[in-house]
Amino acid sequence: MASEQQSVLEPDVPDVPGLPGPPAGPGPRPRRTAAARLAAALRTRRRWLVPVLAVLLLAQLAAAMVTTAVQQAPTIDEPVYVATATDYLHEHRLRYNTEHPPLGKLVIMAGLAVADPHYDPSYRGDQGQVGRHLLYSSGNDPWRVMLWARLPVIVLTLLFGLVAFAFAREVLGTAAGLLALALYSFSPDVVAHGSLATLDVPSAGFVLTAAWLVWRARRRPRLYLPLAGAALGASVATKMSALPAIPVLVALAVVSVWGARPGRALRALAAAAVVAVTAVAVVWLSYLAVDPRLRALSAQPVPAVHGLRGLLVDLMPFPQAYRDGMRMQFALEDYPWQGYLFGHLYTGSRWYYLPAALLVKTPLGMLALWAAGALALVAVRRLRRAAPYLLLPPAVLLASAMTGSRDFGTRYAVFMPMFLAVAGAAVLTVRRRWARPVGGALALFVAVSSLRAFPFYLPYANEAFGGPAKTHLWLHDSNVDWGQDLGRLADRLKERYPGERIWLVYKGSGVPAYYGIHAADPRKVPPGQVHGVLVVSDSSVAKARGGLAELIDTSRAVDDVGHSITIYRR
């Protein structure tokens, strides 16, 4: 009896590597007490070590994004979103950028409410012209306006990092949670697009959040299913490309409820209805937040869409403005866009473009962890239940994106580094001696590769493809050159080429004259008249034909700016 009482009162000492275990029978207490103290100290240290490491990883991500946001000029799409968000703030109308839903621009608007830029609602022009007028012709400081527009997206990106950490920690364990956060934080695509006032990262992050909440709904469906529906609706209310995630996550909601209580068909159907209805409600609320009267005031003509696509649009349970935006998106899909992949310029699209672009723009260690983690999720029996939640949404979204006609960049698949950061951490659950050392070494390789690109994350390419300086040989557009380096170009020209004649072919939304760049367009004069310094955006180099190609071929490359603009001497 005394021995039983002693076993109840004594603390349960876990096995700690390197420490002696509990004595087999009655023996001297000091040895056991010392081990217990050390084990408790290790547990205490672990409790504070995990949050400290998580904070350090997020701080690194925040520093990288803020530095990037401060140094980069507006990218091609940003002035449109900033002007639209400012119009929301001042005019409360759905006039510009109606091809995209409003929620992402409402997020951007939160920062613009602080910046309070001067805005002229009477200015007439297309949405791109309105954006440039706001930034460069209305008495505003474009650097300040853009920073405040980007900050809310940066905050969201950090919060989605916490989601990745929590998701991995719940499914795979604490160490895997830290590895997932490291992969997320050092992803060049996450850093590059999380620091911009655009819609790609917010939409993808909301899908990741919805998947995590659907996973949690296995135990508390009444709490987490409505939250999952709200996150899913937020994604769809940010970008229409997230629509394919709706049936996937609704089906996973059914799986979550059915798995918790098998045979409850009505309960499972109710779970699906909760997620779907909540998602639709969030879309409606995002439009009502801009204009409670839901007036159709689009500055762009709405094309007619016929056939099956037209029927699909008409059946959507969304506001008229959303369905008009879908019609615009279908019209954009029918446009003969040009793509550039591995040095080949083509018209149309290639189904393998996004996988190939991800192969170039993802760190090699990250690719290895993605593959190993996905394999572990499928092969390890205790992890198979989580595999659909982590692998199915990105697979369906990637398949959908691969059918698109715009081969413009991995930003269309930025959900991949988000979901696969969690999936890749599953390698730590493999019960082999090599698993943790190899996982740690690959994560370190990822960190080094990412940090070496600082602060040029947008044109990142991994070492197998020559690094950021060589990305323009393989890809173009937002993979390399999205107009972000106009300010850096102005500084370079002042520093190294003062007083020289400048010829410029710039692909972007910035206004060169604002930055002090006074240049002529070499395409508007005979090639023989072009002498001095020729500056060409790398996307324009990739697409160069005719006179511009002749100018480039007969010039000597002498400099590059941000790995996105090449300077030639003629």
Protein backbone atom coordinates (compact mmCIF):
# COMPACT_ATOMS: atom_id res chain seq x y z
CA MET A 1 0.00 0.00 0.00
CA ALA A 2 2.81 2.36 0.87
CA SER A 3 4.56 1.66 -2.42
CA GLU A 4 1.33 2.36 -4.36
CA GLN A 5 0.86 5.66 -2.53
CA GLN A 6 4.45 6.60 -3.26
CA SER A 7 4.00 5.91 -7.00
CA VAL A 8 0.96 8.17 -7.11
CA LEU A 9 2.61 11.06 -5.33
CA GLU A 10 5.91 10.97 -7.21
CA PRO A 11 6.08 12.87 -10.53
CA ASP A 12 6.05 10.99 -13.80
CA VAL A 13 9.54 11.52 -15.21
CA PRO A 14 9.69 11.20 -19.01
CA ASP A 15 12.59 9.51 -20.76
CA VAL A 16 15.24 12.13 -21.50
CA PRO A 17 18.18 11.14 -23.74
CA GLY A 18 21.37 10.98 -21.71
CA LEU A 19 19.59 10.82 -18.34
CA PRO A 20 19.28 7.73 -16.12
CA GLY A 21 15.80 6.29 -15.98
CA PRO A 22 13.78 5.73 -12.82
CA PRO A 23 15.06 3.04 -10.48
CA ALA A 24 13.56 -0.41 -10.87
CA GLY A 25 12.62 -0.65 -7.22
CA PRO A 26 12.98 1.14 -3.92
CA GLY A 27 16.26 2.99 -3.78
CA PRO A 28 17.85 6.28 -2.85
CA ARG A 29 15.63 9.25 -3.75
CA PRO A 30 18.27 11.93 -4.47
CA ARG A 31 19.20 10.43 -7.85
CA ARG A 32 15.59 10.31 -9.02
CA THR A 33 14.90 13.83 -7.75
CA ALA A 34 17.89 15.26 -9.64
CA ALA A 35 16.70 13.61 -12.85
CA ALA A 36 13.22 14.93 -12.27
CA ARG A 37 14.55 18.44 -11.77
CA LEU A 38 16.59 18.29 -14.96
CA ALA A 39 13.68 16.88 -16.94
CA ALA A 40 11.42 19.65 -15.64
CA ALA A 41 14.07 22.23 -16.56
CA LEU A 42 14.28 20.83 -20.08
CA ARG A 43 10.49 20.93 -20.41
CA THR A 44 10.47 24.54 -19.25
CA ARG A 45 13.22 25.46 -21.66
CA ARG A 46 11.35 23.78 -24.51
CA ARG A 47 8.20 25.69 -23.67
CA TRP A 48 9.89 29.04 -24.19
CA LEU A 49 12.26 27.88 -26.93
CA VAL A 50 9.45 27.06 -29.38
CA PRO A 51 7.77 30.49 -29.29
CA VAL A 52 11.18 32.20 -29.42
CA LEU A 53 12.14 30.29 -32.57
CA ALA A 54 8.74 30.99 -34.12
CA VAL A 55 9.08 34.70 -33.38
CA LEU A 56 12.60 34.74 -34.88
CA LEU A 57 11.39 33.09 -38.08
CA LEU A 58 8.48 35.51 -38.41
CA ALA A 59 10.78 38.45 -37.62
CA GLN A 60 13.08 37.36 -40.45
CA LEU A 61 10.09 37.16 -42.79
CA ALA A 62 8.82 40.57 -41.67
CA ALA A 63 12.24 42.18 -42.15
CA ALA A 64 12.60 40.70 -45.62
CA MET A 65 9.13 41.84 -46.70
CA VAL A 66 9.35 45.34 -45.24
CA THR A 67 12.80 45.88 -46.76
CA THR A 68 11.50 44.73 -50.13
CA ALA A 69 8.39 46.88 -49.84
CA VAL A 70 10.42 49.98 -49.02
CA GLN A 71 12.86 49.56 -51.89
CA GLN A 72 10.58 48.56 -54.76
CA ALA A 73 8.69 50.85 -57.12
CA PRO A 74 5.07 49.95 -57.92
CA THR A 75 4.74 46.71 -59.85
CA ILE A 76 2.48 46.50 -62.88
CA ASP A 77 -0.73 45.50 -61.07
CA GLU A 78 -0.34 47.50 -57.86
CA PRO A 79 -1.41 50.98 -59.06
CA VAL A 80 -4.71 49.48 -60.24
CA TYR A 81 -5.41 47.90 -56.85
CA VAL A 82 -4.31 51.01 -54.96
CA ALA A 83 -6.51 53.29 -57.07
CA THR A 84 -9.47 50.93 -56.68
CA ALA A 85 -8.98 50.73 -52.91
CA THR A 86 -8.76 54.54 -52.72
CA ASP A 87 -11.95 54.82 -54.73
CA TYR A 88 -13.60 52.44 -52.27
CA LEU A 89 -12.39 54.64 -49.42
CA HIS A 90 -13.64 57.93 -50.85
CA GLU A 91 -16.48 57.09 -53.26
CA HIS A 92 -17.88 53.76 -51.98
CA ARG A 93 -18.50 52.44 -55.47
CA LEU A 94 -17.68 49.37 -57.56
CA ARG A 95 -16.19 51.15 -60.53
CA TYR A 96 -12.61 49.97 -61.12
CA ASN A 97 -10.99 46.54 -61.30
CA THR A 98 -14.34 44.78 -61.29
CA GLU A 99 -12.73 41.68 -62.82
CA HIS A 100 -11.55 40.93 -59.27
CA PRO A 101 -13.75 40.80 -56.13
CA PRO A 102 -13.25 43.56 -53.56
CA LEU A 103 -12.03 41.90 -50.36
CA GLY A 104 -8.30 41.99 -51.14
CA LYS A 105 -8.58 45.65 -52.07
CA LEU A 106 -10.48 46.33 -48.87
CA VAL A 107 -7.45 44.91 -47.04
CA ILE A 108 -5.21 47.29 -48.98
CA MET A 109 -7.63 50.09 -48.19
CA ALA A 110 -6.90 49.65 -44.47
CA GLY A 111 -3.38 50.92 -45.06
CA LEU A 112 -4.48 53.66 -47.44
CA ALA A 113 -6.89 54.95 -44.79
CA VAL A 114 -3.79 55.79 -42.74
CA ALA A 115 -1.84 57.24 -45.68
CA ASP A 116 -4.93 59.26 -46.77
CA PRO A 117 -3.66 60.06 -50.29
CA HIS A 118 -5.09 62.94 -52.30
CA TYR A 119 -7.63 61.59 -54.77
CA ASP A 120 -9.46 63.16 -57.68
CA PRO A 121 -12.61 61.11 -58.37
CA SER A 122 -13.40 63.20 -61.45
CA TYR A 123 -10.28 62.03 -63.29
CA ARG A 124 -11.20 60.05 -66.38
CA GLY A 125 -9.17 57.16 -67.73
CA ASP A 126 -8.85 53.41 -67.51
CA GLN A 127 -7.93 51.81 -64.20
CA GLY A 128 -4.21 51.80 -64.97
CA GLN A 129 -4.25 55.51 -65.83
CA VAL A 130 -6.22 56.28 -62.67
CA GLY A 131 -3.59 54.45 -60.64
CA ARG A 132 -0.68 56.34 -62.19
CA HIS A 133 -2.53 59.64 -61.78
CA LEU A 134 -3.09 58.91 -58.10
CA LEU A 135 0.56 58.03 -57.46
CA TYR A 136 2.36 60.53 -59.66
CA SER A 137 0.06 63.44 -60.57
CA SER A 138 -2.01 64.13 -57.46
CA GLY A 139 0.59 65.54 -55.12
CA ASN A 140 1.19 62.22 -53.33
CA ASP A 141 4.49 60.60 -52.40
CA PRO A 142 4.30 57.25 -54.24
CA TRP A 143 6.86 55.65 -51.91
CA ARG A 144 4.74 56.48 -48.85
CA VAL A 145 1.45 55.53 -50.47
CA MET A 146 2.79 52.20 -51.69
CA LEU A 147 4.33 51.31 -48.33
CA TRP A 148 1.05 51.89 -46.51
CA ALA A 149 -0.84 49.94 -49.19
CA ARG A 150 1.58 47.02 -48.81
CA LEU A 151 1.67 46.86 -45.01
CA PRO A 152 -1.76 45.18 -44.52
CA VAL A 153 -0.77 42.43 -46.97
CA ILE A 154 2.51 42.00 -45.08
CA VAL A 155 0.59 41.60 -41.82
CA LEU A 156 -1.73 39.03 -43.42
CA THR A 157 1.26 37.12 -44.77
CA LEU A 158 2.73 36.91 -41.27
CA LEU A 159 -0.59 35.67 -39.87
CA PHE A 160 -0.77 32.98 -42.55
CA GLY A 161 2.69 31.90 -41.38
CA LEU A 162 1.21 31.29 -37.96
CA VAL A 163 -1.52 29.22 -39.61
CA ALA A 164 1.12 27.07 -41.33
CA PHE A 165 2.90 26.62 -37.99
CA ALA A 166 -0.30 25.70 -36.13
CA PHE A 167 -1.48 23.36 -38.88
CA ALA A 168 1.81 21.44 -38.94
CA ARG A 169 2.10 21.38 -35.16
CA GLU A 170 -1.35 19.87 -34.72
CA VAL A 171 -0.91 17.25 -37.42
CA LEU A 172 2.80 16.44 -37.21
CA GLY A 173 4.21 17.76 -33.92
CA THR A 174 6.06 20.78 -32.57
CA ALA A 175 9.34 20.24 -34.42
CA ALA A 176 7.44 19.85 -37.68
CA GLY A 177 5.56 23.04 -36.91
CA LEU A 178 8.84 24.94 -36.70
CA LEU A 179 10.09 23.34 -39.92
CA ALA A 180 6.86 24.29 -41.71
CA LEU A 181 7.20 27.87 -40.52
CA ALA A 182 10.83 27.94 -41.68
CA LEU A 183 9.88 26.69 -45.16
CA TYR A 184 7.08 29.25 -45.33
CA SER A 185 9.23 32.12 -44.06
CA PHE A 186 12.12 31.44 -46.42
CA SER A 187 10.00 30.83 -49.52
CA PRO A 188 11.13 33.45 -52.09
CA ASP A 189 7.67 33.50 -53.64
CA VAL A 190 5.99 34.14 -50.29
CA VAL A 191 8.44 36.94 -49.47
CA ALA A 192 8.21 38.48 -52.95
CA HIS A 193 4.43 38.54 -53.28
CA GLY A 194 3.65 38.92 -49.58
CA SER A 195 5.39 42.29 -49.72
CA LEU A 196 3.21 43.66 -52.53
CA ALA A 197 -0.23 45.25 -52.53
CA THR A 198 -1.63 42.47 -54.69
CA LEU A 199 -4.19 39.70 -54.30
CA ASP A 200 -2.28 36.45 -54.78
CA VAL A 201 -0.97 35.83 -51.25
CA PRO A 202 -4.18 36.91 -49.46
CA SER A 203 -6.31 34.58 -51.59
CA ALA A 204 -3.96 31.62 -51.18
CA GLY A 205 -3.51 32.21 -47.46
CA PHE A 206 -7.25 32.22 -46.85
CA VAL A 207 -7.52 28.82 -48.59
CA LEU A 208 -4.77 27.46 -46.31
CA THR A 209 -6.63 28.85 -43.30
CA ALA A 210 -9.87 27.24 -44.46
CA ALA A 211 -8.18 23.85 -44.83
CA TRP A 212 -6.73 24.11 -41.32
CA LEU A 213 -10.09 25.03 -39.83
CA VAL A 214 -11.83 22.17 -41.66
CA TRP A 215 -9.21 19.85 -40.16
CA ARG A 216 -9.94 21.21 -36.69
CA ALA A 217 -13.68 20.73 -37.29
CA ARG A 218 -13.20 16.98 -36.76
CA ARG A 219 -13.44 17.64 -33.03
CA ARG A 220 -15.44 20.86 -32.74
CA PRO A 221 -17.53 21.20 -35.91
CA ARG A 222 -19.93 23.80 -34.55
CA LEU A 223 -17.10 26.22 -33.90
CA TYR A 224 -14.76 25.56 -36.80
CA LEU A 225 -17.04 24.86 -39.75
CA PRO A 226 -18.47 28.41 -39.87
CA LEU A 227 -14.95 29.81 -39.46
CA ALA A 228 -13.73 27.57 -42.30
CA GLY A 229 -16.57 28.80 -44.49
CA ALA A 230 -15.66 32.41 -43.67
CA ALA A 231 -12.00 31.82 -44.61
CA LEU A 232 -13.01 30.08 -47.82
CA GLY A 233 -15.38 32.92 -48.66
CA ALA A 234 -12.61 35.43 -47.99
CA SER A 235 -10.41 33.65 -50.53
CA VAL A 236 -13.14 33.59 -53.18
CA ALA A 237 -13.97 37.22 -52.38
CA THR A 238 -10.33 38.11 -53.11
CA LYS A 239 -9.66 36.19 -56.33
CA MET A 240 -12.00 34.16 -58.51
CA SER A 241 -9.23 31.66 -59.21
CA ALA A 242 -9.97 30.26 -55.72
CA LEU A 243 -13.42 29.03 -56.81
CA PRO A 244 -12.22 25.44 -57.44
CA ALA A 245 -11.33 25.23 -53.74
CA ILE A 246 -15.01 25.44 -52.76
CA PRO A 247 -16.06 21.87 -53.71
CA VAL A 248 -12.79 20.48 -52.33
CA LEU A 249 -13.16 22.06 -48.90
CA VAL A 250 -16.89 21.38 -48.74
CA ALA A 251 -16.10 17.70 -49.39
CA LEU A 252 -13.40 17.76 -46.72
CA ALA A 253 -15.91 19.26 -44.29
CA VAL A 254 -18.14 16.26 -44.93
CA VAL A 255 -15.16 13.94 -44.34
CA SER A 256 -14.34 15.71 -41.07
CA VAL A 257 -17.84 15.36 -39.66
CA TRP A 258 -18.42 11.86 -41.01
CA GLY A 259 -15.10 10.66 -39.62
CA ALA A 260 -15.94 12.01 -36.18
CA ARG A 261 -19.41 10.45 -36.13
CA PRO A 262 -19.81 7.76 -38.82
CA GLY A 263 -23.28 7.14 -40.15
CA ARG A 264 -24.57 10.64 -39.47
CA ALA A 265 -25.41 11.53 -43.07
CA LEU A 266 -27.62 14.48 -42.22
CA ARG A 267 -24.97 15.94 -39.96
CA ALA A 268 -22.38 15.60 -42.74
CA LEU A 269 -24.67 17.31 -45.27
CA ALA A 270 -25.33 20.08 -42.77
CA ALA A 271 -21.57 20.57 -42.43
CA ALA A 272 -21.25 20.98 -46.19
CA ALA A 273 -24.13 23.46 -46.22
CA VAL A 274 -22.62 25.52 -43.39
CA VAL A 275 -19.29 25.88 -45.18
CA ALA A 276 -20.82 26.67 -48.57
CA VAL A 277 -23.46 29.10 -47.31
CA THR A 278 -20.99 30.94 -45.09
CA ALA A 279 -18.57 31.29 -48.00
CA VAL A 280 -21.27 32.75 -50.23
CA ALA A 281 -22.34 35.11 -47.46
CA VAL A 282 -18.80 36.45 -47.07
CA VAL A 283 -18.66 37.23 -50.80
CA TRP A 284 -21.91 39.19 -50.55
CA LEU A 285 -20.70 41.03 -47.44
CA SER A 286 -17.48 42.07 -49.18
CA TYR A 287 -19.48 43.77 -51.94
CA LEU A 288 -21.92 45.32 -49.49
CA ALA A 289 -18.99 46.73 -47.51
CA VAL A 290 -18.01 48.77 -50.57
CA ASP A 291 -21.47 49.80 -51.76
CA PRO A 292 -24.57 48.82 -49.75
CA ARG A 293 -26.66 49.57 -52.85
CA LEU A 294 -24.59 47.22 -55.04
CA ARG A 295 -24.65 49.58 -58.00
CA ALA A 296 -23.14 48.27 -61.24
CA LEU A 297 -20.83 51.16 -62.22
CA SER A 298 -17.97 49.34 -63.93
CA ALA A 299 -15.74 51.61 -65.99
CA GLN A 300 -14.97 48.63 -68.23
CA PRO A 301 -17.40 47.08 -70.70
CA VAL A 302 -18.76 43.72 -69.62
CA PRO A 303 -18.42 41.17 -72.43
CA ALA A 304 -21.14 38.70 -73.27
CA VAL A 305 -20.37 35.09 -72.40
CA HIS A 306 -22.36 32.34 -74.09
CA GLY A 307 -22.61 28.58 -73.94
CA LEU A 308 -21.73 26.51 -70.92
CA ARG A 309 -19.59 29.24 -69.40
CA GLY A 310 -22.42 31.73 -69.67
CA LEU A 311 -24.79 29.29 -67.99
CA LEU A 312 -22.26 28.69 -65.24
CA VAL A 313 -21.95 32.42 -64.59
CA ASP A 314 -25.72 32.87 -64.47
CA LEU A 315 -26.09 30.09 -61.91
CA MET A 316 -23.51 31.50 -59.50
CA PRO A 317 -25.15 32.62 -56.20
CA PHE A 318 -23.09 35.81 -56.11
CA PRO A 319 -23.82 39.52 -56.68
CA GLN A 320 -24.21 40.80 -60.22
CA ALA A 321 -20.87 42.60 -59.98
CA TYR A 322 -19.14 39.32 -59.16
CA ARG A 323 -20.74 37.58 -62.13
CA ASP A 324 -19.78 40.49 -64.39
CA GLY A 325 -16.23 40.08 -63.16
CA MET A 326 -16.34 36.41 -64.09
CA ARG A 327 -17.40 37.38 -67.62
CA MET A 328 -14.39 39.70 -67.82
CA GLN A 329 -12.11 36.91 -66.64
CA PHE A 330 -13.45 34.56 -69.31
CA ALA A 331 -12.80 37.25 -71.92
CA LEU A 332 -9.23 37.64 -70.64
CA GLU A 333 -8.76 33.89 -70.95
CA ASP A 334 -9.67 34.12 -74.63
CA TYR A 335 -7.00 36.76 -75.32
CA PRO A 336 -3.87 35.52 -77.20
CA TRP A 337 -1.30 36.25 -74.49
CA GLN A 338 2.40 35.68 -75.04
CA GLY A 339 4.41 33.40 -72.79
CA TYR A 340 8.13 32.80 -72.33
CA LEU A 341 9.58 29.57 -70.98
CA PHE A 342 13.16 28.29 -71.10
CA GLY A 343 14.15 30.85 -73.74
CA HIS A 344 11.17 30.16 -76.01
CA LEU A 345 8.60 32.88 -76.79
CA TYR A 346 5.16 31.59 -77.75
CA THR A 347 1.56 32.70 -78.10
CA GLY A 348 -1.07 30.98 -76.00
CA SER A 349 -0.29 28.80 -73.01
CA ARG A 350 1.55 25.61 -72.11
CA TRP A 351 -0.12 23.24 -69.66
CA TYR A 352 3.24 22.46 -68.05
CA TYR A 353 4.23 26.12 -67.60
CA LEU A 354 3.50 26.43 -63.88
CA PRO A 355 5.23 23.18 -62.83
CA ALA A 356 8.26 24.19 -64.91
CA ALA A 357 8.28 27.71 -63.45
CA LEU A 358 8.01 26.31 -59.91
CA LEU A 359 10.97 24.05 -60.67
CA VAL A 360 13.04 27.15 -61.49
CA LYS A 361 11.83 29.44 -58.72
CA THR A 362 11.67 27.08 -55.73
CA PRO A 363 14.80 26.44 -53.62
CA LEU A 364 16.24 22.99 -54.30
CA GLY A 365 16.07 21.96 -50.64
CA MET A 366 12.43 22.98 -50.56
CA LEU A 367 11.63 20.87 -53.63
CA ALA A 368 13.24 17.87 -51.92
CA LEU A 369 11.27 18.44 -48.70
CA TRP A 370 8.02 18.89 -50.64
CA ALA A 371 8.51 15.53 -52.35
CA ALA A 372 9.63 13.70 -49.21
CA GLY A 373 6.88 15.20 -47.06
CA ALA A 374 4.13 14.42 -49.56
CA LEU A 375 5.41 10.84 -49.79
CA ALA A 376 5.45 10.54 -46.00
CA LEU A 377 1.87 11.78 -45.76
CA VAL A 378 0.75 9.05 -48.11
CA ALA A 379 3.04 6.26 -46.92
CA VAL A 380 2.84 6.63 -43.12
CA ARG A 381 -0.44 5.15 -41.95
CA ARG A 382 -1.01 7.51 -39.03
CA LEU A 383 -0.64 10.54 -41.34
CA ARG A 384 -2.93 9.42 -44.15
CA ARG A 385 -5.97 11.00 -42.55
CA ALA A 386 -4.33 14.43 -42.89
CA ALA A 387 -3.06 13.91 -46.45
CA PRO A 388 -6.24 15.06 -48.24
CA TYR A 389 -6.36 18.30 -46.23
CA LEU A 390 -2.76 19.17 -47.14
CA LEU A 391 -2.42 17.78 -50.66
CA LEU A 392 -5.83 17.89 -52.29
CA PRO A 393 -6.52 21.69 -52.22
CA PRO A 394 -3.17 22.69 -53.78
CA ALA A 395 -3.41 19.85 -56.32
CA VAL A 396 -6.86 20.95 -57.50
CA LEU A 397 -5.91 24.65 -57.57
CA LEU A 398 -2.73 23.88 -59.50
CA ALA A 399 -4.61 21.74 -62.02
CA SER A 400 -7.09 24.57 -62.50
CA ALA A 401 -4.33 27.18 -62.88
CA MET A 402 -2.56 25.00 -65.45
CA THR A 403 -5.57 25.26 -67.73
CA GLY A 404 -5.36 29.08 -67.78
CA SER A 405 -4.11 31.07 -70.74
CA ARG A 406 -1.86 33.53 -68.86
CA ASP A 407 1.64 32.14 -68.35
CA PHE A 408 2.80 35.11 -66.31
CA GLY A 409 4.39 33.70 -63.19
CA THR A 410 4.40 31.48 -60.14
CA ARG A 411 2.24 34.02 -58.33
CA TYR A 412 -0.68 32.11 -59.86
CA ALA A 413 0.49 29.11 -57.79
CA VAL A 414 1.68 30.80 -54.60
CA PHE A 415 -0.58 28.43 -52.65
CA MET A 416 2.01 25.70 -53.38
CA PRO A 417 4.76 26.97 -51.03
CA MET A 418 2.09 27.66 -48.40
CA PHE A 419 0.46 24.22 -48.33
CA LEU A 420 3.62 22.27 -49.08
CA ALA A 421 5.50 24.03 -46.29
CA VAL A 422 3.18 22.10 -43.97
CA ALA A 423 3.30 18.91 -46.03
CA GLY A 424 7.09 19.05 -46.35
CA ALA A 425 7.46 19.10 -42.57
CA ALA A 426 6.04 15.57 -42.49
CA VAL A 427 9.54 14.28 -43.25
CA LEU A 428 10.33 14.71 -39.53
CA THR A 429 7.72 12.09 -38.63
CA VAL A 430 9.57 9.34 -40.51
CA ARG A 431 11.03 6.95 -37.93
CA ARG A 432 14.50 6.75 -39.37
CA ARG A 433 17.72 8.07 -37.87
CA TRP A 434 18.45 10.12 -40.96
CA ALA A 435 15.07 11.90 -41.08
CA ARG A 436 15.73 14.76 -38.68
CA PRO A 437 19.35 15.48 -39.67
CA VAL A 438 18.47 15.42 -43.37
CA GLY A 439 15.36 17.54 -42.81
CA GLY A 440 17.38 20.07 -40.82
CA ALA A 441 20.14 20.18 -43.43
CA LEU A 442 17.68 20.74 -46.26
CA ALA A 443 15.93 23.49 -44.28
CA LEU A 444 19.30 25.18 -43.74
CA PHE A 445 20.01 24.91 -47.48
CA VAL A 446 16.65 26.59 -48.15
CA ALA A 447 17.43 29.42 -45.73
CA VAL A 448 20.86 30.07 -47.22
CA SER A 449 19.50 30.04 -50.78
CA SER A 450 16.71 32.45 -49.85
CA LEU A 451 18.92 34.82 -47.86
CA ARG A 452 21.44 34.99 -50.70
CA ALA A 453 18.71 36.46 -52.90
CA PHE A 454 17.99 39.32 -50.46
CA PRO A 455 16.49 41.79 -51.34
CA PHE A 456 15.82 40.58 -54.90
CA TYR A 457 13.19 37.96 -54.18
CA LEU A 458 10.95 38.58 -57.20
CA PRO A 459 13.58 37.41 -59.75
CA TYR A 460 14.70 34.47 -57.59
CA ALA A 461 15.84 31.25 -59.29
CA ASN A 462 17.49 28.32 -57.54
CA GLU A 463 21.12 27.32 -57.99
CA ALA A 464 20.41 24.72 -60.64
CA PHE A 465 19.23 27.52 -62.94
CA GLY A 466 21.97 30.01 -62.12
CA GLY A 467 20.34 32.04 -59.34
CA PRO A 468 18.49 35.37 -59.61
CA ALA A 469 20.95 36.83 -62.12
CA LYS A 470 19.98 34.15 -64.68
CA THR A 471 16.22 33.93 -64.17
CA HIS A 472 15.55 36.15 -67.21
CA LEU A 473 17.05 33.43 -69.42
CA TRP A 474 14.29 31.03 -68.42
CA LEU A 475 11.20 33.08 -67.51
CA HIS A 476 9.72 36.57 -67.81
CA ASP A 477 7.01 38.88 -66.44
CA SER A 478 6.29 38.65 -62.69
CA ASN A 479 8.85 35.86 -62.36
CA VAL A 480 11.61 38.37 -63.06
CA ASP A 481 10.62 41.85 -64.09
CA TRP A 482 7.36 43.37 -62.93
CA GLY A 483 8.47 47.00 -63.10
CA GLN A 484 9.75 46.92 -59.51
CA ASP A 485 13.24 48.36 -60.08
CA LEU A 486 12.53 51.79 -61.54
CA GLY A 487 13.77 53.56 -58.40
CA ARG A 488 16.93 51.45 -58.33
CA LEU A 489 17.48 52.26 -62.02
CA ALA A 490 17.31 55.99 -61.31
CA ASP A 491 19.94 55.64 -58.59
CA ARG A 492 22.21 53.57 -60.85
CA LEU A 493 22.01 56.02 -63.73
CA LYS A 494 22.88 58.94 -61.44
CA GLU A 495 25.74 57.05 -59.89
CA ARG A 496 27.42 55.48 -62.95
CA TYR A 497 26.09 57.22 -66.05
CA PRO A 498 25.64 60.91 -65.19
CA GLY A 499 25.04 63.23 -68.14
CA GLU A 500 24.83 60.43 -70.73
CA ARG A 501 22.09 60.01 -73.34
CA ILE A 502 19.61 57.44 -72.05
CA TRP A 503 17.38 55.25 -74.21
CA LEU A 504 14.77 53.32 -72.27
CA VAL A 505 12.36 50.44 -72.92
CA TYR A 506 10.64 50.01 -69.55
CA LYS A 507 7.94 47.43 -68.81
CA GLY A 508 5.97 48.61 -65.81
CA SER A 509 3.46 51.03 -64.33
CA GLY A 510 5.91 53.53 -62.90
CA VAL A 511 6.57 56.94 -64.45
CA PRO A 512 10.32 57.20 -65.22
CA ALA A 513 10.34 61.02 -65.24
CA TYR A 514 9.13 61.10 -61.62
CA TYR A 515 12.30 59.28 -60.57
CA GLY A 516 14.49 61.66 -62.57
CA ILE A 517 14.97 59.37 -65.56
CA HIS A 518 14.79 61.45 -68.73
CA ALA A 519 15.01 59.04 -71.62
CA ALA A 520 13.82 58.49 -75.17
CA ASP A 521 12.23 55.39 -76.68
CA PRO A 522 14.73 53.76 -79.08
CA ARG A 523 11.94 52.03 -80.98
CA LYS A 524 10.70 55.36 -82.34
CA VAL A 525 13.87 56.32 -84.24
CA PRO A 526 16.11 54.53 -86.76
CA PRO A 527 18.64 52.20 -85.06
CA GLY A 528 21.54 54.25 -86.37
CA GLN A 529 20.49 57.19 -84.21
CA VAL A 530 20.59 55.21 -80.96
CA HIS A 531 23.92 55.87 -79.24
CA GLY A 532 24.86 56.01 -75.58
CA VAL A 533 23.17 54.00 -72.82
CA LEU A 534 20.36 51.60 -73.78
CA VAL A 535 18.22 50.37 -70.87
CA VAL A 536 15.77 47.51 -71.43
CA SER A 537 13.52 45.65 -69.01
CA ASP A 538 14.33 41.95 -69.13
CA SER A 539 10.76 41.00 -70.06
CA SER A 540 11.09 43.27 -73.07
CA VAL A 541 14.42 41.63 -73.90
CA ALA A 542 12.71 38.23 -73.83
CA LYS A 543 10.03 39.42 -76.26
CA ALA A 544 12.32 41.57 -78.43
CA ARG A 545 11.71 41.30 -82.16
CA GLY A 546 12.52 43.48 -85.14
CA GLY A 547 14.25 46.79 -84.43
CA LEU A 548 14.57 46.28 -80.68
CA ALA A 549 16.14 42.86 -81.17
CA GLU A 550 18.61 44.42 -83.64
CA LEU A 551 19.50 47.13 -81.14
CA ILE A 552 20.13 44.59 -78.39
CA ASP A 553 22.16 42.31 -80.65
CA THR A 554 24.42 45.19 -81.70
CA SER A 555 24.93 46.48 -78.15
CA ARG A 556 27.12 45.33 -75.27
CA ALA A 557 25.59 44.46 -71.92
CA VAL A 558 27.49 46.35 -69.22
CA ASP A 559 25.26 46.35 -66.13
CA ASP A 560 22.06 45.04 -64.58
CA VAL A 561 19.68 46.54 -62.04
CA GLY A 562 17.94 44.27 -59.56
CA HIS A 563 18.33 41.33 -61.94
CA SER A 564 15.32 42.68 -63.84
CA ILE A 565 16.70 45.49 -66.04
CA THR A 566 19.76 45.25 -68.33
CA ILE A 567 21.91 48.22 -69.27
CA TYR A 568 23.67 48.12 -72.65
CA ARG A 569 26.33 50.35 -74.16
CA ARG A 570 26.03 51.53 -77.78
